[in-house]
Amino acid sequence: MAANASRKQPLDHLMSRKKPVRKTVYLAADASVLESVRTLEEEVRRLRMAVQLRNEPVAAERLPLAEDELKATQANLDDEAIKFVFQAMRRDKYDKLLQEHPPTEAQVDEVKKGDSGADLQFNLSTFPVALIMACMVEPDVSAPEDFNTVQAWLESEAFNGTEILQLFQTCMAVNSSSTLVQVGKDSRRTTASA
């Protein structure tokens, strides 16, 4: 037997090591704090350029204050951010969820107007939030009352279309990502993703 041959590992050990794909995203609880961070980041960039390129004394004096203000505002944003953790579903559960949310004829017709070969697999109005709720690990929605509360929250005016789209795309990503790793002498040891 070759010296570098691998030992057979017990199946329970192998199965316990494979975890479902997870992704974490954060949304700003207060959009004004996020806007303040962006404004301060731009100010710090502008001040740094003024100091580096033109050696402006007023900019040099203001820069440390702006950097401190930016750090404090970023810390506030981090403290107030809402954390969402999503985990991939089993294939059969994902397929069942798709079947529970078929596209309407009007949605299919609308998509085919733009691309006659397009195939819409789900209801654009109901499937995104359903997938978000099905993949959500955090906040914990395992209790029915919590599930209903969070679902109503996601469907409220607190979330705009882009935020729901971002959460939905994260859920699509966890359900379509691959954890295939290239190993061996010539590999770059990179993780491939679908």
C-alpha atoms as a PDB file:
ATOM      1  CA  MET A   1       0.000   0.000   0.000  1.00  0.00           C
ATOM      2  CA  ALA A   2       1.302   3.472  -0.906  1.00  0.00           C
ATOM      3  CA  ALA A   3       2.608   5.618   1.935  1.00  0.00           C
ATOM      4  CA  ASN A   4       0.374   8.561   0.994  1.00  0.00           C
ATOM      5  CA  ALA A   5      -2.851   6.550   0.643  1.00  0.00           C
ATOM      6  CA  SER A   6      -5.618   8.047   2.749  1.00  0.00           C
ATOM      7  CA  ARG A   7      -7.239   6.135   5.543  1.00  0.00           C
ATOM      8  CA  LYS A   8     -10.923   5.407   5.239  1.00  0.00           C
ATOM      9  CA  GLN A   9     -12.832   7.716   7.580  1.00  0.00           C
ATOM     10  CA  PRO A  10     -16.014   6.560   9.299  1.00  0.00           C
ATOM     11  CA  LEU A  11     -19.126   7.769   7.476  1.00  0.00           C
ATOM     12  CA  ASP A  12     -20.616   9.392  10.565  1.00  0.00           C
ATOM     13  CA  HIS A  13     -17.450  11.489  10.901  1.00  0.00           C
ATOM     14  CA  LEU A  14     -17.642  12.593   7.264  1.00  0.00           C
ATOM     15  CA  MET A  15     -21.353  13.367   7.477  1.00  0.00           C
ATOM     16  CA  SER A  16     -20.945  15.384  10.681  1.00  0.00           C
ATOM     17  CA  ARG A  17     -18.342  17.609   9.035  1.00  0.00           C
ATOM     18  CA  LYS A  18     -20.459  18.790   6.087  1.00  0.00           C
ATOM     19  CA  LYS A  19     -22.499  21.840   7.047  1.00  0.00           C
ATOM     20  CA  PRO A  20     -25.140  23.628   4.947  1.00  0.00           C
ATOM     21  CA  VAL A  21     -24.071  26.828   3.208  1.00  0.00           C
ATOM     22  CA  ARG A  22     -24.747  29.926   5.337  1.00  0.00           C
ATOM     23  CA  LYS A  23     -24.481  33.629   4.629  1.00  0.00           C
ATOM     24  CA  THR A  24     -24.864  36.597   6.935  1.00  0.00           C
ATOM     25  CA  VAL A  25     -26.057  40.041   5.874  1.00  0.00           C
ATOM     26  CA  TYR A  26     -26.617  43.217   7.846  1.00  0.00           C
ATOM     27  CA  LEU A  27     -29.139  45.960   7.140  1.00  0.00           C
ATOM     28  CA  ALA A  28     -28.985  49.416   8.657  1.00  0.00           C
ATOM     29  CA  ALA A  29     -31.756  49.868  11.185  1.00  0.00           C
ATOM     30  CA  ASP A  30     -31.654  53.622  10.568  1.00  0.00           C
ATOM     31  CA  ALA A  31     -30.914  54.764   7.031  1.00  0.00           C
ATOM     32  CA  SER A  32     -29.861  58.206   8.264  1.00  0.00           C
ATOM     33  CA  VAL A  33     -26.934  56.683  10.193  1.00  0.00           C
ATOM     34  CA  LEU A  34     -25.842  54.832   7.050  1.00  0.00           C
ATOM     35  CA  GLU A  35     -26.078  58.084   5.085  1.00  0.00           C
ATOM     36  CA  SER A  36     -23.986  59.840   7.752  1.00  0.00           C
ATOM     37  CA  VAL A  37     -21.307  57.151   7.415  1.00  0.00           C
ATOM     38  CA  ARG A  38     -21.254  57.593   3.633  1.00  0.00           C
ATOM     39  CA  THR A  39     -21.055  61.392   3.952  1.00  0.00           C
ATOM     40  CA  LEU A  40     -18.222  61.167   6.480  1.00  0.00           C
ATOM     41  CA  GLU A  41     -16.340  58.609   4.352  1.00  0.00           C
ATOM     42  CA  GLU A  42     -16.498  61.035   1.430  1.00  0.00           C
ATOM     43  CA  GLU A  43     -15.340  63.909   3.634  1.00  0.00           C
ATOM     44  CA  VAL A  44     -12.395  61.878   4.959  1.00  0.00           C
ATOM     45  CA  ARG A  45     -11.402  60.926   1.380  1.00  0.00           C
ATOM     46  CA  ARG A  46     -11.618  64.569   0.284  1.00  0.00           C
ATOM     47  CA  LEU A  47      -9.602  65.777   3.283  1.00  0.00           C
ATOM     48  CA  ARG A  48      -6.906  63.128   2.776  1.00  0.00           C
ATOM     49  CA  MET A  49      -6.532  64.183  -0.858  1.00  0.00           C
ATOM     50  CA  ALA A  50      -6.298  67.846   0.152  1.00  0.00           C
ATOM     51  CA  VAL A  51      -3.581  67.024   2.690  1.00  0.00           C
ATOM     52  CA  GLN A  52      -1.628  64.655   0.420  1.00  0.00           C
ATOM     53  CA  LEU A  53      -1.814  66.625  -2.819  1.00  0.00           C
ATOM     54  CA  ARG A  54      -1.956  70.245  -1.655  1.00  0.00           C
ATOM     55  CA  ASN A  55      -0.779  70.066   1.962  1.00  0.00           C
ATOM     56  CA  GLU A  56      -3.729  72.243   3.025  1.00  0.00           C
ATOM     57  CA  PRO A  57      -3.420  73.243   6.710  1.00  0.00           C
ATOM     58  CA  VAL A  58      -7.204  73.550   7.244  1.00  0.00           C
ATOM     59  CA  ALA A  59      -7.708  70.039   5.831  1.00  0.00           C
ATOM     60  CA  ALA A  60      -4.847  68.695   7.963  1.00  0.00           C
ATOM     61  CA  GLU A  61      -6.504  70.161  11.060  1.00  0.00           C
ATOM     62  CA  ARG A  62      -9.980  68.843  10.197  1.00  0.00           C
ATOM     63  CA  LEU A  63      -8.877  65.334   9.074  1.00  0.00           C
ATOM     64  CA  PRO A  64      -8.302  63.743  12.525  1.00  0.00           C
ATOM     65  CA  LEU A  65     -11.641  65.101  13.748  1.00  0.00           C
ATOM     66  CA  ALA A  66     -13.465  63.743  10.696  1.00  0.00           C
ATOM     67  CA  GLU A  67     -11.749  60.354  11.089  1.00  0.00           C
ATOM     68  CA  ASP A  68     -12.809  60.175  14.750  1.00  0.00           C
ATOM     69  CA  GLU A  69     -16.359  61.181  13.856  1.00  0.00           C
ATOM     70  CA  LEU A  70     -16.403  58.519  11.118  1.00  0.00           C
ATOM     71  CA  LYS A  71     -15.200  55.809  13.535  1.00  0.00           C
ATOM     72  CA  ALA A  72     -17.847  56.753  16.090  1.00  0.00           C
ATOM     73  CA  THR A  73     -20.617  56.817  13.470  1.00  0.00           C
ATOM     74  CA  GLN A  74     -19.458  53.469  12.015  1.00  0.00           C
ATOM     75  CA  ALA A  75     -19.509  51.965  15.514  1.00  0.00           C
ATOM     76  CA  ASN A  76     -23.044  53.276  15.979  1.00  0.00           C
ATOM     77  CA  LEU A  77     -24.050  51.785  12.618  1.00  0.00           C
ATOM     78  CA  ASP A  78     -22.500  48.430  13.561  1.00  0.00           C
ATOM     79  CA  ASP A  79     -24.301  48.422  16.919  1.00  0.00           C
ATOM     80  CA  GLU A  80     -27.653  49.258  15.338  1.00  0.00           C
ATOM     81  CA  ALA A  81     -27.390  47.000  12.253  1.00  0.00           C
ATOM     82  CA  ILE A  82     -29.919  44.198  11.943  1.00  0.00           C
ATOM     83  CA  LYS A  83     -28.261  40.822  11.434  1.00  0.00           C
ATOM     84  CA  PHE A  84     -29.817  38.223   9.148  1.00  0.00           C
ATOM     85  CA  VAL A  85     -28.370  34.716   8.796  1.00  0.00           C
ATOM     86  CA  PHE A  86     -29.618  32.475   5.985  1.00  0.00           C
ATOM     87  CA  GLN A  87     -28.975  28.763   5.502  1.00  0.00           C
ATOM     88  CA  ALA A  88     -29.464  26.570   2.458  1.00  0.00           C
ATOM     89  CA  MET A  89     -32.557  24.364   2.392  1.00  0.00           C
ATOM     90  CA  ARG A  90     -32.720  20.698   1.532  1.00  0.00           C
ATOM     91  CA  ARG A  91     -33.350  20.212  -2.193  1.00  0.00           C
ATOM     92  CA  ASP A  92     -36.763  18.620  -1.680  1.00  0.00           C
ATOM     93  CA  LYS A  93     -37.926  21.464   0.588  1.00  0.00           C
ATOM     94  CA  TYR A  94     -36.732  24.055  -1.917  1.00  0.00           C
ATOM     95  CA  ASP A  95     -38.579  22.264  -4.747  1.00  0.00           C
ATOM     96  CA  LYS A  96     -41.728  22.061  -2.614  1.00  0.00           C
ATOM     97  CA  LEU A  97     -41.531  25.785  -1.865  1.00  0.00           C
ATOM     98  CA  LEU A  98     -41.245  26.515  -5.593  1.00  0.00           C
ATOM     99  CA  GLN A  99     -44.336  24.395  -6.244  1.00  0.00           C
ATOM    100  CA  GLU A 100     -46.248  26.286  -3.549  1.00  0.00           C
ATOM    101  CA  HIS A 101     -45.503  29.614  -5.290  1.00  0.00           C
ATOM    102  CA  PRO A 102     -46.091  29.126  -9.037  1.00  0.00           C
ATOM    103  CA  PRO A 103     -45.998  32.200 -11.270  1.00  0.00           C
ATOM    104  CA  THR A 104     -49.278  33.720 -12.335  1.00  0.00           C
ATOM    105  CA  GLU A 105     -50.228  33.718 -16.014  1.00  0.00           C
ATOM    106  CA  ALA A 106     -49.843  37.500 -16.050  1.00  0.00           C
ATOM    107  CA  GLN A 107     -46.291  37.226 -14.674  1.00  0.00           C
ATOM    108  CA  VAL A 108     -45.383  34.560 -17.245  1.00  0.00           C
ATOM    109  CA  ASP A 109     -46.827  36.682 -20.065  1.00  0.00           C
ATOM    110  CA  GLU A 110     -44.942  39.769 -18.851  1.00  0.00           C
ATOM    111  CA  VAL A 111     -41.625  37.907 -18.699  1.00  0.00           C
ATOM    112  CA  LYS A 112     -42.187  36.371 -22.151  1.00  0.00           C
ATOM    113  CA  LYS A 113     -42.787  39.862 -23.579  1.00  0.00           C
ATOM    114  CA  GLY A 114     -39.218  40.754 -22.690  1.00  0.00           C
ATOM    115  CA  ASP A 115     -37.725  37.371 -23.673  1.00  0.00           C
ATOM    116  CA  SER A 116     -39.811  34.777 -25.491  1.00  0.00           C
ATOM    117  CA  GLY A 117     -37.498  31.991 -24.311  1.00  0.00           C
ATOM    118  CA  ALA A 118     -37.603  33.018 -20.652  1.00  0.00           C
ATOM    119  CA  ASP A 119     -38.962  30.558 -18.118  1.00  0.00           C
ATOM    120  CA  LEU A 120     -40.326  31.994 -14.882  1.00  0.00           C
ATOM    121  CA  GLN A 121     -40.165  29.381 -12.123  1.00  0.00           C
ATOM    122  CA  PHE A 122     -41.871  31.199  -9.248  1.00  0.00           C
ATOM    123  CA  ASN A 123     -44.379  33.852  -8.272  1.00  0.00           C
ATOM    124  CA  LEU A 124     -42.520  37.148  -8.197  1.00  0.00           C
ATOM    125  CA  SER A 125     -44.858  38.544  -5.540  1.00  0.00           C
ATOM    126  CA  THR A 126     -44.926  35.688  -3.021  1.00  0.00           C
ATOM    127  CA  PHE A 127     -41.823  33.518  -3.465  1.00  0.00           C
ATOM    128  CA  PRO A 128     -39.099  36.014  -2.388  1.00  0.00           C
ATOM    129  CA  VAL A 129     -40.463  36.537   1.147  1.00  0.00           C
ATOM    130  CA  ALA A 130     -41.398  32.838   1.409  1.00  0.00           C
ATOM    131  CA  LEU A 131     -37.797  31.861   0.556  1.00  0.00           C
ATOM    132  CA  ILE A 132     -36.395  34.442   2.978  1.00  0.00           C
ATOM    133  CA  MET A 133     -38.554  33.041   5.760  1.00  0.00           C
ATOM    134  CA  ALA A 134     -37.692  29.425   4.875  1.00  0.00           C
ATOM    135  CA  CYS A 135     -33.937  30.083   4.908  1.00  0.00           C
ATOM    136  CA  MET A 136     -33.838  32.416   7.916  1.00  0.00           C
ATOM    137  CA  VAL A 137     -31.769  31.172  10.850  1.00  0.00           C
ATOM    138  CA  GLU A 138     -31.400  34.552  12.527  1.00  0.00           C
ATOM    139  CA  PRO A 139     -33.533  36.159  13.736  1.00  0.00           C
ATOM    140  CA  ASP A 140     -34.968  32.935  15.100  1.00  0.00           C
ATOM    141  CA  VAL A 141     -38.422  32.380  13.594  1.00  0.00           C
ATOM    142  CA  SER A 142     -38.923  28.788  14.760  1.00  0.00           C
ATOM    143  CA  ALA A 143     -41.940  29.716  16.900  1.00  0.00           C
ATOM    144  CA  PRO A 144     -45.085  30.269  14.777  1.00  0.00           C
ATOM    145  CA  GLU A 145     -45.845  33.645  16.376  1.00  0.00           C
ATOM    146  CA  ASP A 146     -42.282  34.833  15.674  1.00  0.00           C
ATOM    147  CA  PHE A 147     -42.518  33.550  12.096  1.00  0.00           C
ATOM    148  CA  ASN A 148     -45.741  35.482  11.507  1.00  0.00           C
ATOM    149  CA  THR A 149     -44.384  38.625  13.162  1.00  0.00           C
ATOM    150  CA  VAL A 150     -41.165  38.665  11.107  1.00  0.00           C
ATOM    151  CA  GLN A 151     -43.007  37.850   7.878  1.00  0.00           C
ATOM    152  CA  ALA A 152     -45.410  40.756   8.474  1.00  0.00           C
ATOM    153  CA  TRP A 153     -42.406  42.978   9.284  1.00  0.00           C
ATOM    154  CA  LEU A 154     -40.684  42.045   5.999  1.00  0.00           C
ATOM    155  CA  GLU A 155     -43.889  42.822   4.097  1.00  0.00           C
ATOM    156  CA  SER A 156     -44.325  46.193   5.847  1.00  0.00           C
ATOM    157  CA  GLU A 157     -43.140  49.646   4.752  1.00  0.00           C
ATOM    158  CA  ALA A 158     -40.021  49.149   6.922  1.00  0.00           C
ATOM    159  CA  PHE A 159     -38.395  47.295   3.998  1.00  0.00           C
ATOM    160  CA  ASN A 160     -38.146  48.700   0.505  1.00  0.00           C
ATOM    161  CA  GLY A 161     -37.982  46.599  -2.654  1.00  0.00           C
ATOM    162  CA  THR A 162     -34.192  46.717  -2.927  1.00  0.00           C
ATOM    163  CA  GLU A 163     -33.703  45.497   0.644  1.00  0.00           C
ATOM    164  CA  ILE A 164     -36.077  42.563   0.088  1.00  0.00           C
ATOM    165  CA  LEU A 165     -34.298  41.848  -3.203  1.00  0.00           C
ATOM    166  CA  GLN A 166     -30.916  41.799  -1.419  1.00  0.00           C
ATOM    167  CA  LEU A 167     -32.194  39.381   1.234  1.00  0.00           C
ATOM    168  CA  PHE A 168     -33.808  37.239  -1.487  1.00  0.00           C
ATOM    169  CA  GLN A 169     -30.606  37.179  -3.563  1.00  0.00           C
ATOM    170  CA  THR A 170     -28.688  36.060  -0.470  1.00  0.00           C
ATOM    171  CA  CYS A 171     -31.160  33.197  -0.022  1.00  0.00           C
ATOM    172  CA  MET A 172     -30.849  32.266  -3.695  1.00  0.00           C
ATOM    173  CA  ALA A 173     -27.071  32.304  -3.283  1.00  0.00           C
ATOM    174  CA  VAL A 174     -27.052  29.968  -0.269  1.00  0.00           C
ATOM    175  CA  ASN A 175     -29.265  27.551  -2.200  1.00  0.00           C
ATOM    176  CA  SER A 176     -27.155  27.639  -5.347  1.00  0.00           C
ATOM    177  CA  SER A 177     -23.604  27.938  -3.966  1.00  0.00           C
ATOM    178  CA  SER A 178     -21.125  25.133  -4.193  1.00  0.00           C
ATOM    179  CA  THR A 179     -18.500  24.312  -1.610  1.00  0.00           C
ATOM    180  CA  LEU A 180     -16.425  22.329  -4.081  1.00  0.00           C
ATOM    181  CA  VAL A 181     -12.736  22.755  -3.312  1.00  0.00           C
ATOM    182  CA  GLN A 182      -9.876  21.974  -5.671  1.00  0.00           C
ATOM    183  CA  VAL A 183      -7.216  20.052  -3.765  1.00  0.00           C
ATOM    184  CA  GLY A 184      -3.958  18.475  -4.715  1.00  0.00           C
ATOM    185  CA  LYS A 185      -0.518  19.387  -5.858  1.00  0.00           C
ATOM    186  CA  ASP A 186      -1.582  21.677  -8.708  1.00  0.00           C
ATOM    187  CA  SER A 187      -4.666  23.235  -7.132  1.00  0.00           C
ATOM    188  CA  ARG A 188      -4.958  26.804  -5.979  1.00  0.00           C
ATOM    189  CA  ARG A 189      -7.162  25.663  -3.081  1.00  0.00           C
ATOM    190  CA  THR A 190      -9.960  27.981  -4.099  1.00  0.00           C
ATOM    191  CA  THR A 191     -13.604  27.486  -3.399  1.00  0.00           C
ATOM    192  CA  ALA A 192     -15.765  27.323  -6.477  1.00  0.00           C
ATOM    193  CA  SER A 193     -19.239  28.790  -6.433  1.00  0.00           C
ATOM    194  CA  ALA A 194     -22.091  28.307  -8.841  1.00  0.00           C
END
